[in-house]
C-alpha atoms as a PDB file:
ATOM      1  CA  UNK A   1       3.973  10.809   5.107  1.00  0.00           C
ATOM      2  CA  UNK A   2       4.484   9.579   1.578  1.00  0.00           C
ATOM      3  CA  UNK A   3       3.129   6.074   1.239  1.00  0.00           C
ATOM      4  CA  UNK A   4       3.187   3.805  -1.783  1.00  0.00           C
ATOM      5  CA  UNK A   5       1.637   0.402  -1.927  1.00  0.00           C
ATOM      6  CA  UNK A   6       0.296  -2.533  -3.856  1.00  0.00           C
ATOM      7  CA  UNK A   7      -3.079  -4.217  -3.490  1.00  0.00           C
ATOM      8  CA  UNK A   8      -3.632  -7.693  -4.855  1.00  0.00           C
ATOM      9  CA  UNK A   9      -6.240 -10.297  -4.008  1.00  0.00           C
ATOM     10  CA  UNK A  10      -6.322 -13.852  -5.278  1.00  0.00           C
ATOM     11  CA  UNK A  11      -8.920 -13.178  -7.981  1.00  0.00           C
ATOM     12  CA  UNK A  12      -7.823  -9.589  -8.544  1.00  0.00           C
ATOM     13  CA  UNK A  13     -11.305  -8.374  -9.389  1.00  0.00           C
ATOM     14  CA  UNK A  14     -13.079  -6.949  -6.356  1.00  0.00           C
ATOM     15  CA  UNK A  15     -10.907  -6.504  -3.281  1.00  0.00           C
ATOM     16  CA  UNK A  16      -7.906  -5.233  -5.246  1.00  0.00           C
ATOM     17  CA  UNK A  17      -9.534  -1.988  -6.486  1.00  0.00           C
ATOM     18  CA  UNK A  18     -11.705  -1.599  -3.377  1.00  0.00           C
ATOM     19  CA  UNK A  19      -8.698  -1.725  -1.059  1.00  0.00           C
ATOM     20  CA  UNK A  20      -6.692   0.652  -3.277  1.00  0.00           C
ATOM     21  CA  UNK A  21      -9.514   3.185  -3.334  1.00  0.00           C
ATOM     22  CA  UNK A  22     -10.042   3.017   0.433  1.00  0.00           C
ATOM     23  CA  UNK A  23      -6.320   3.346   1.229  1.00  0.00           C
ATOM     24  CA  UNK A  24      -5.965   6.386  -1.029  1.00  0.00           C
ATOM     25  CA  UNK A  25      -9.169   7.992   0.270  1.00  0.00           C
ATOM     26  CA  UNK A  26      -8.446   7.420   3.961  1.00  0.00           C
ATOM     27  CA  UNK A  27      -4.762   8.262   3.578  1.00  0.00           C
ATOM     28  CA  UNK A  28      -5.648  11.638   2.072  1.00  0.00           C
ATOM     29  CA  UNK A  29      -8.202  12.245   4.815  1.00  0.00           C
ATOM     30  CA  UNK A  30      -5.502  11.546   7.415  1.00  0.00           C
ATOM     31  CA  UNK A  31      -3.101  13.981   5.729  1.00  0.00           C
ATOM     32  CA  UNK A  32      -0.805  11.548   3.924  1.00  0.00           C
ATOM     33  CA  UNK A  33       0.161  11.239   0.280  1.00  0.00           C
ATOM     34  CA  UNK A  34      -0.838   7.728  -0.779  1.00  0.00           C
ATOM     35  CA  UNK A  35      -0.376   6.111  -4.187  1.00  0.00           C
ATOM     36  CA  UNK A  36      -1.525   2.519  -4.631  1.00  0.00           C
ATOM     37  CA  UNK A  37      -0.778   0.175  -7.506  1.00  0.00           C
ATOM     38  CA  UNK A  38      -3.292  -2.561  -8.277  1.00  0.00           C
ATOM     39  CA  UNK A  39      -2.209  -6.013  -9.436  1.00  0.00           C
ATOM     40  CA  UNK A  40      -4.888  -8.417 -10.539  1.00  0.00           C
ATOM     41  CA  UNK A  41      -6.812  -9.950 -13.388  1.00  0.00           C
ATOM     42  CA  UNK A  42      -6.325  -6.808 -15.497  1.00  0.00           C
ATOM     43  CA  UNK A  43      -2.558  -6.823 -14.978  1.00  0.00           C
ATOM     44  CA  UNK A  44      -0.810  -3.927 -13.242  1.00  0.00           C
ATOM     45  CA  UNK A  45      -2.864  -0.738 -13.008  1.00  0.00           C
ATOM     46  CA  UNK A  46      -1.784   2.665 -11.666  1.00  0.00           C
ATOM     47  CA  UNK A  47       1.862   1.576 -11.719  1.00  0.00           C
ATOM     48  CA  UNK A  48       4.040   3.215  -9.078  1.00  0.00           C
ATOM     49  CA  UNK A  49       6.958   5.121 -10.601  1.00  0.00           C
ATOM     50  CA  UNK A  50      10.582   4.851  -9.499  1.00  0.00           C
ATOM     51  CA  UNK A  51      10.309   8.435  -8.249  1.00  0.00           C
ATOM     52  CA  UNK A  52       7.220   7.587  -6.159  1.00  0.00           C
ATOM     53  CA  UNK A  53       9.147   4.707  -4.591  1.00  0.00           C
ATOM     54  CA  UNK A  54      12.226   6.849  -3.925  1.00  0.00           C
ATOM     55  CA  UNK A  55      10.117   9.523  -2.184  1.00  0.00           C
ATOM     56  CA  UNK A  56       8.083   7.026  -0.120  1.00  0.00           C
ATOM     57  CA  UNK A  57       8.524   6.733   3.624  1.00  0.00           C
ATOM     58  CA  UNK A  58       7.357   3.112   3.422  1.00  0.00           C
ATOM     59  CA  UNK A  59       5.678   0.547   1.183  1.00  0.00           C
ATOM     60  CA  UNK A  60       2.341  -0.992   2.158  1.00  0.00           C
ATOM     61  CA  UNK A  61       1.635  -4.350   0.554  1.00  0.00           C
ATOM     62  CA  UNK A  62      -1.982  -5.382   1.010  1.00  0.00           C
ATOM     63  CA  UNK A  63      -2.091  -8.752  -0.656  1.00  0.00           C
ATOM     64  CA  UNK A  64      -3.247 -12.300  -0.232  1.00  0.00           C
ATOM     65  CA  UNK A  65      -0.768 -13.533  -2.833  1.00  0.00           C
ATOM     66  CA  UNK A  66       2.769 -12.840  -4.036  1.00  0.00           C
ATOM     67  CA  UNK A  67       2.997  -9.530  -5.858  1.00  0.00           C
ATOM     68  CA  UNK A  68       4.873  -8.910  -9.094  1.00  0.00           C
ATOM     69  CA  UNK A  69       8.086  -6.883  -9.270  1.00  0.00           C
ATOM     70  CA  UNK A  70       8.558  -6.612  -5.509  1.00  0.00           C
ATOM     71  CA  UNK A  71      12.286  -6.139  -6.062  1.00  0.00           C
ATOM     72  CA  UNK A  72      11.498  -2.482  -6.939  1.00  0.00           C
ATOM     73  CA  UNK A  73      11.053  -1.864  -3.218  1.00  0.00           C
ATOM     74  CA  UNK A  74      14.498  -3.123  -2.128  1.00  0.00           C
ATOM     75  CA  UNK A  75      15.883  -0.941   0.647  1.00  0.00           C
ATOM     76  CA  UNK A  76      12.489   0.483   1.628  1.00  0.00           C
ATOM     77  CA  UNK A  77      10.541  -0.343   4.776  1.00  0.00           C
ATOM     78  CA  UNK A  78       7.821  -2.782   3.715  1.00  0.00           C
ATOM     79  CA  UNK A  79       4.709  -3.451   5.779  1.00  0.00           C
ATOM     80  CA  UNK A  80       2.473  -6.365   4.794  1.00  0.00           C
ATOM     81  CA  UNK A  81      -1.198  -6.671   5.690  1.00  0.00           C
ATOM     82  CA  UNK A  82      -4.135  -8.788   4.589  1.00  0.00           C
ATOM     83  CA  UNK A  83      -6.087  -7.087   1.844  1.00  0.00           C
ATOM     84  CA  UNK A  84      -9.418  -7.522   3.651  1.00  0.00           C
ATOM     85  CA  UNK A  85      -8.232  -5.253   6.463  1.00  0.00           C
ATOM     86  CA  UNK A  86      -7.770  -2.423   3.981  1.00  0.00           C
ATOM     87  CA  UNK A  87     -11.247  -2.760   2.537  1.00  0.00           C
ATOM     88  CA  UNK A  88     -13.008  -2.407   5.880  1.00  0.00           C
ATOM     89  CA  UNK A  89     -10.460  -0.633   8.113  1.00  0.00           C
ATOM     90  CA  UNK A  90      -8.158   1.392   5.833  1.00  0.00           C
ATOM     91  CA  UNK A  91      -7.794   4.319   8.237  1.00  0.00           C
ATOM     92  CA  UNK A  92      -6.765   2.009  11.092  1.00  0.00           C
ATOM     93  CA  UNK A  93      -4.267   0.200   8.861  1.00  0.00           C
ATOM     94  CA  UNK A  94      -2.652   3.466   7.755  1.00  0.00           C
ATOM     95  CA  UNK A  95      -2.591   4.886  11.281  1.00  0.00           C
ATOM     96  CA  UNK A  96      -0.901   1.765  12.684  1.00  0.00           C
ATOM     97  CA  UNK A  97       1.618   1.609   9.838  1.00  0.00           C
ATOM     98  CA  UNK A  98       2.560   5.283  10.205  1.00  0.00           C
ATOM     99  CA  UNK A  99       2.957   4.841  13.975  1.00  0.00           C
ATOM    100  CA  UNK A 100       5.220   1.819  13.451  1.00  0.00           C
ATOM    101  CA  UNK A 101       7.422   3.677  10.956  1.00  0.00           C
ATOM    102  CA  UNK A 102       7.649   6.745  13.191  1.00  0.00           C
ATOM    103  CA  UNK A 103       8.513   4.565  16.196  1.00  0.00           C
ATOM    104  CA  UNK A 104      11.335   2.950  14.219  1.00  0.00           C
ATOM    105  CA  UNK A 105      12.737   6.344  13.263  1.00  0.00           C
ATOM    106  CA  UNK A 106      12.757   7.520  16.864  1.00  0.00           C
ATOM    107  CA  UNK A 107      14.902   4.605  18.082  1.00  0.00           C
END
């Protein structure tokens, strides 16, 4: 699956990049294409392109605060999780999200 997402913690210094790195690493290991944008103290890093969004099967928002520019994802399936889950259990988060999206498609 093609997955795009945004990570953003309240401070935007530690969990934001850690969660992004883990989601991309574990997503690749599980056979998915994952691109994660980070929003935090440094602003927006690794911005997701309009093409990335268009090609995505769903959007994963791992945040403990409101993210910027969420309107870019209008019309896409959005799954929200707590950022801490992605730091310690990224593979489980991705697996559950993919299963939920696939289940929706099969209905």
